[in-house]
Amino acid sequence: MMPTSTDNDLTAFHQWRRLRNWLLWLFLPGVFLISGAILWLTHWGFSLLLGVAAWMVSYAYVAYRVQRWPCPNCGKPVMKKGAFRNDFTSRCLHCGFSLKRRQIVEYFL
């Protein structure tokens, strides 16, 4: 069984979703690490502000990508339907397509 384009789309979707979750959970350690590195390199007093700004920009970009990811089945954004959005859904809000991981098994002859 060869992986299909749907499986590849879902794999990329799960990678972006995992990155978004890591950025969310590692906010404080990440900001302090980034701001500490900036302070160490530049000795600039506003390093914490730059660390927070860098985290905000990276999280906003990744969240934007995840929220507007097209459904492999219907092509509409998976997590957004009109003004409503659900960041923790496991199904497409438009067609109900399952976004859960599938076991991809390749058989070699």
N, C-alpha and C. Protein backbone atom coordinates (compact mmCIF):
# COMPACT_ATOMS: atom_id res chain seq x y z
N MET A 1 0.84 -1.17 0.00
CA MET A 1 0.00 0.00 0.00
C MET A 1 0.89 1.24 0.00
N MET A 2 0.75 2.05 -0.99
CA MET A 2 1.54 3.27 -1.11
C MET A 2 0.79 4.43 -0.48
N PRO A 3 1.49 5.35 0.17
CA PRO A 3 0.80 6.50 0.75
C PRO A 3 0.20 7.37 -0.35
N THR A 4 -0.99 7.86 -0.07
CA THR A 4 -1.69 8.72 -1.03
C THR A 4 -1.41 10.18 -0.72
N SER A 5 -1.88 11.06 -1.61
CA SER A 5 -1.69 12.49 -1.36
C SER A 5 -2.44 12.93 -0.12
N THR A 6 -3.58 12.28 0.18
CA THR A 6 -4.33 12.60 1.40
C THR A 6 -3.49 12.30 2.63
N ASP A 7 -2.81 11.14 2.63
CA ASP A 7 -1.94 10.80 3.75
C ASP A 7 -0.80 11.79 3.89
N ASN A 8 -0.22 12.23 2.78
CA ASN A 8 0.86 13.22 2.82
C ASN A 8 0.36 14.56 3.34
N ASP A 9 -0.86 14.98 2.91
CA ASP A 9 -1.44 16.22 3.40
C ASP A 9 -1.68 16.15 4.90
N LEU A 10 -2.19 15.02 5.36
CA LEU A 10 -2.45 14.88 6.80
C LEU A 10 -1.17 14.84 7.60
N THR A 11 -0.12 14.24 7.05
CA THR A 11 1.17 14.21 7.74
C THR A 11 1.72 15.62 7.90
N ALA A 12 1.67 16.40 6.84
CA ALA A 12 2.14 17.79 6.93
C ALA A 12 1.26 18.60 7.89
N PHE A 13 -0.04 18.37 7.85
CA PHE A 13 -0.95 19.05 8.77
C PHE A 13 -0.61 18.74 10.22
N HIS A 14 -0.33 17.46 10.52
CA HIS A 14 0.02 17.08 11.88
C HIS A 14 1.37 17.65 12.31
N GLN A 15 2.29 17.81 11.37
CA GLN A 15 3.58 18.43 11.72
C GLN A 15 3.39 19.89 12.10
N TRP A 16 2.59 20.63 11.32
CA TRP A 16 2.33 22.03 11.66
C TRP A 16 1.56 22.15 12.97
N ARG A 17 0.61 21.25 13.19
CA ARG A 17 -0.18 21.28 14.43
C ARG A 17 0.71 20.99 15.63
N ARG A 18 1.63 20.02 15.49
CA ARG A 18 2.55 19.71 16.58
C ARG A 18 3.47 20.90 16.87
N LEU A 19 3.94 21.58 15.83
CA LEU A 19 4.78 22.77 16.02
C LEU A 19 4.01 23.86 16.76
N ARG A 20 2.74 24.06 16.39
CA ARG A 20 1.91 25.05 17.09
C ARG A 20 1.76 24.70 18.57
N ASN A 21 1.54 23.43 18.88
CA ASN A 21 1.40 23.02 20.27
C ASN A 21 2.70 23.20 21.04
N TRP A 22 3.84 22.89 20.41
CA TRP A 22 5.12 23.10 21.07
C TRP A 22 5.36 24.58 21.35
N LEU A 23 5.04 25.44 20.40
CA LEU A 23 5.21 26.87 20.62
C LEU A 23 4.33 27.37 21.75
N LEU A 24 3.14 26.81 21.86
CA LEU A 24 2.23 27.21 22.92
C LEU A 24 2.75 26.77 24.29
N TRP A 25 3.16 25.52 24.41
CA TRP A 25 3.57 24.98 25.71
C TRP A 25 4.96 25.45 26.13
N LEU A 26 5.81 25.80 25.21
CA LEU A 26 7.16 26.23 25.55
C LEU A 26 7.32 27.75 25.50
N PHE A 27 6.22 28.47 25.73
CA PHE A 27 6.26 29.93 25.66
C PHE A 27 7.28 30.52 26.64
N LEU A 28 7.13 30.26 27.92
CA LEU A 28 8.03 30.88 28.91
C LEU A 28 9.48 30.46 28.75
N PRO A 29 9.78 29.15 28.68
CA PRO A 29 11.19 28.80 28.49
C PRO A 29 11.77 29.36 27.18
N GLY A 30 10.97 29.34 26.12
CA GLY A 30 11.45 29.84 24.83
C GLY A 30 11.72 31.33 24.86
N VAL A 31 10.83 32.09 25.47
CA VAL A 31 11.02 33.55 25.54
C VAL A 31 12.24 33.88 26.38
N PHE A 32 12.41 33.20 27.51
CA PHE A 32 13.57 33.48 28.34
C PHE A 32 14.87 33.05 27.67
N LEU A 33 14.83 31.97 26.91
CA LEU A 33 16.02 31.52 26.19
C LEU A 33 16.38 32.51 25.08
N ILE A 34 15.39 32.92 24.29
CA ILE A 34 15.64 33.88 23.21
C ILE A 34 16.10 35.22 23.77
N SER A 35 15.40 35.71 24.81
CA SER A 35 15.79 37.01 25.36
C SER A 35 17.15 36.94 26.04
N GLY A 36 17.46 35.82 26.68
CA GLY A 36 18.79 35.66 27.29
C GLY A 36 19.89 35.66 26.25
N ALA A 37 19.64 35.01 25.12
CA ALA A 37 20.63 34.99 24.04
C ALA A 37 20.82 36.38 23.45
N ILE A 38 19.71 37.11 23.26
CA ILE A 38 19.81 38.48 22.73
C ILE A 38 20.56 39.37 23.71
N LEU A 39 20.25 39.24 25.01
CA LEU A 39 20.93 40.04 26.02
C LEU A 39 22.42 39.71 26.06
N TRP A 40 22.75 38.43 25.95
CA TRP A 40 24.15 38.02 26.01
C TRP A 40 24.93 38.53 24.79
N LEU A 41 24.27 38.52 23.62
CA LEU A 41 24.96 38.95 22.39
C LEU A 41 25.04 40.47 22.25
N THR A 42 23.98 41.18 22.65
CA THR A 42 23.93 42.61 22.36
C THR A 42 24.01 43.50 23.60
N HIS A 43 23.77 42.95 24.79
CA HIS A 43 23.72 43.71 26.05
C HIS A 43 22.67 44.82 25.97
N TRP A 44 21.59 44.52 25.27
CA TRP A 44 20.52 45.50 25.09
C TRP A 44 19.45 45.25 26.13
N GLY A 45 18.97 46.29 26.80
CA GLY A 45 18.02 46.16 27.90
C GLY A 45 16.63 45.71 27.50
N PHE A 46 16.30 45.79 26.22
CA PHE A 46 14.96 45.41 25.77
C PHE A 46 14.93 44.01 25.17
N SER A 47 15.81 43.14 25.65
CA SER A 47 15.89 41.80 25.07
C SER A 47 14.64 40.97 25.36
N LEU A 48 14.01 41.17 26.52
CA LEU A 48 12.79 40.43 26.84
C LEU A 48 11.67 40.82 25.87
N LEU A 49 11.60 42.09 25.54
CA LEU A 49 10.60 42.56 24.58
C LEU A 49 10.83 41.92 23.21
N LEU A 50 12.08 41.82 22.78
CA LEU A 50 12.38 41.17 21.51
C LEU A 50 12.06 39.68 21.55
N GLY A 51 12.33 39.04 22.68
CA GLY A 51 12.00 37.62 22.82
C GLY A 51 10.51 37.37 22.72
N VAL A 52 9.70 38.20 23.38
CA VAL A 52 8.24 38.08 23.31
C VAL A 52 7.76 38.36 21.89
N ALA A 53 8.32 39.37 21.25
CA ALA A 53 7.91 39.70 19.88
C ALA A 53 8.25 38.56 18.92
N ALA A 54 9.43 37.96 19.06
CA ALA A 54 9.82 36.84 18.19
C ALA A 54 8.88 35.66 18.39
N TRP A 55 8.52 35.36 19.65
CA TRP A 55 7.60 34.26 19.91
C TRP A 55 6.22 34.57 19.32
N MET A 56 5.74 35.80 19.49
CA MET A 56 4.41 36.16 19.00
C MET A 56 4.34 36.04 17.48
N VAL A 57 5.36 36.50 16.79
CA VAL A 57 5.37 36.43 15.33
C VAL A 57 5.40 34.97 14.87
N SER A 58 6.24 34.16 15.48
CA SER A 58 6.33 32.75 15.07
C SER A 58 5.04 32.00 15.39
N TYR A 59 4.45 32.24 16.55
CA TYR A 59 3.20 31.56 16.91
C TYR A 59 2.05 32.01 15.99
N ALA A 60 1.98 33.29 15.69
CA ALA A 60 0.91 33.79 14.82
C ALA A 60 1.02 33.17 13.43
N TYR A 61 2.23 33.03 12.90
CA TYR A 61 2.40 32.44 11.58
C TYR A 61 1.99 30.97 11.57
N VAL A 62 2.44 30.22 12.56
CA VAL A 62 2.12 28.79 12.61
C VAL A 62 0.63 28.59 12.85
N ALA A 63 0.02 29.36 13.74
CA ALA A 63 -1.42 29.24 14.00
C ALA A 63 -2.22 29.59 12.75
N TYR A 64 -1.78 30.59 12.01
CA TYR A 64 -2.44 30.96 10.76
C TYR A 64 -2.40 29.81 9.77
N ARG A 65 -1.24 29.17 9.64
CA ARG A 65 -1.12 28.03 8.71
C ARG A 65 -2.02 26.88 9.11
N VAL A 66 -2.07 26.56 10.42
CA VAL A 66 -2.87 25.44 10.89
C VAL A 66 -4.36 25.73 10.72
N GLN A 67 -4.80 26.92 11.06
CA GLN A 67 -6.23 27.25 10.99
C GLN A 67 -6.74 27.25 9.56
N ARG A 68 -5.91 27.59 8.61
CA ARG A 68 -6.37 27.69 7.23
C ARG A 68 -5.92 26.52 6.37
N TRP A 69 -5.55 25.42 7.01
CA TRP A 69 -5.11 24.24 6.27
C TRP A 69 -6.29 23.68 5.49
N PRO A 70 -6.12 23.45 4.18
CA PRO A 70 -7.26 22.95 3.39
C PRO A 70 -7.54 21.46 3.68
N CYS A 71 -8.80 21.14 3.74
CA CYS A 71 -9.23 19.76 3.95
C CYS A 71 -8.87 18.94 2.70
N PRO A 72 -8.30 17.75 2.87
CA PRO A 72 -8.00 16.92 1.70
C PRO A 72 -9.25 16.45 0.97
N ASN A 73 -10.39 16.47 1.64
CA ASN A 73 -11.62 15.98 1.04
C ASN A 73 -12.39 17.08 0.31
N CYS A 74 -12.64 18.23 0.98
CA CYS A 74 -13.47 19.27 0.38
C CYS A 74 -12.69 20.52 -0.03
N GLY A 75 -11.46 20.68 0.46
CA GLY A 75 -10.63 21.81 0.07
C GLY A 75 -10.87 23.08 0.86
N LYS A 76 -11.81 23.08 1.78
CA LYS A 76 -12.09 24.27 2.60
C LYS A 76 -11.23 24.23 3.86
N PRO A 77 -11.05 25.38 4.54
CA PRO A 77 -10.24 25.38 5.76
C PRO A 77 -10.81 24.42 6.80
N VAL A 78 -9.93 23.59 7.36
CA VAL A 78 -10.35 22.52 8.25
C VAL A 78 -10.93 23.05 9.56
N MET A 79 -10.30 24.04 10.16
CA MET A 79 -10.67 24.47 11.51
C MET A 79 -11.50 25.74 11.53
N LYS A 80 -11.94 26.22 10.40
CA LYS A 80 -12.68 27.48 10.37
C LYS A 80 -13.89 27.35 9.48
N LYS A 81 -15.04 27.77 10.03
CA LYS A 81 -16.29 27.76 9.26
C LYS A 81 -16.99 29.07 9.56
N GLY A 82 -16.91 30.01 8.63
CA GLY A 82 -17.47 31.34 8.85
C GLY A 82 -16.67 32.06 9.93
N ALA A 83 -17.36 32.60 10.92
CA ALA A 83 -16.69 33.27 12.03
C ALA A 83 -16.29 32.28 13.12
N PHE A 84 -16.81 31.06 13.06
CA PHE A 84 -16.51 30.04 14.08
C PHE A 84 -15.24 29.30 13.72
N ARG A 85 -14.43 29.03 14.73
CA ARG A 85 -13.24 28.21 14.52
C ARG A 85 -13.04 27.32 15.74
N ASN A 86 -12.49 26.15 15.50
CA ASN A 86 -12.23 25.19 16.56
C ASN A 86 -10.83 24.64 16.35
N ASP A 87 -9.90 25.08 17.19
CA ASP A 87 -8.50 24.67 17.04
C ASP A 87 -8.23 23.25 17.51
N PHE A 88 -9.18 22.63 18.21
CA PHE A 88 -8.94 21.30 18.77
C PHE A 88 -9.81 20.23 18.13
N THR A 89 -10.34 20.51 16.96
CA THR A 89 -11.20 19.55 16.29
C THR A 89 -10.40 18.40 15.68
N SER A 90 -11.04 17.25 15.58
CA SER A 90 -10.41 16.11 14.92
C SER A 90 -11.13 15.78 13.61
N ARG A 91 -12.05 16.64 13.21
CA ARG A 91 -12.79 16.47 11.96
C ARG A 91 -12.89 17.82 11.26
N CYS A 92 -13.02 17.77 9.94
CA CYS A 92 -13.26 18.99 9.17
C CYS A 92 -14.61 19.57 9.57
N LEU A 93 -14.66 20.86 9.79
CA LEU A 93 -15.92 21.49 10.19
C LEU A 93 -16.92 21.57 9.04
N HIS A 94 -16.48 21.38 7.81
CA HIS A 94 -17.38 21.48 6.65
C HIS A 94 -17.94 20.13 6.25
N CYS A 95 -17.08 19.14 6.07
CA CYS A 95 -17.55 17.86 5.53
C CYS A 95 -17.45 16.71 6.52
N GLY A 96 -16.80 16.91 7.68
CA GLY A 96 -16.69 15.85 8.68
C GLY A 96 -15.57 14.87 8.43
N PHE A 97 -14.67 15.16 7.49
CA PHE A 97 -13.54 14.27 7.19
C PHE A 97 -12.66 14.12 8.41
N SER A 98 -12.28 12.90 8.76
CA SER A 98 -11.47 12.64 9.95
C SER A 98 -10.03 13.08 9.73
N LEU A 99 -9.49 13.81 10.70
CA LEU A 99 -8.12 14.30 10.62
C LEU A 99 -7.17 13.48 11.48
N LYS A 100 -7.66 12.39 12.04
CA LYS A 100 -6.82 11.56 12.90
C LYS A 100 -5.76 10.87 12.07
N ARG A 101 -4.66 10.56 12.73
CA ARG A 101 -3.55 9.90 12.05
C ARG A 101 -3.96 8.50 11.63
N ARG A 102 -3.48 8.12 10.47
CA ARG A 102 -3.68 6.77 9.97
C ARG A 102 -2.35 6.06 9.96
N GLN A 103 -2.41 4.78 10.14
CA GLN A 103 -1.19 3.99 10.04
C GLN A 103 -0.87 3.82 8.56
N ILE A 104 0.29 4.30 8.17
CA ILE A 104 0.72 4.14 6.78
C ILE A 104 1.72 2.98 6.75
N VAL A 105 1.34 1.94 6.06
CA VAL A 105 2.19 0.75 5.98
C VAL A 105 2.58 0.55 4.51
N GLU A 106 3.85 0.45 4.29
CA GLU A 106 4.33 0.19 2.93
C GLU A 106 4.81 -1.23 2.85
N TYR A 107 4.39 -1.92 1.85
CA TYR A 107 4.83 -3.29 1.63
C TYR A 107 5.86 -3.29 0.52
N PHE A 108 6.96 -3.95 0.78
CA PHE A 108 8.01 -4.06 -0.22
C PHE A 108 7.94 -5.48 -0.81
N LEU A 109 7.92 -5.54 -2.10
CA LEU A 109 7.85 -6.84 -2.76
C LEU A 109 9.21 -7.46 -2.91
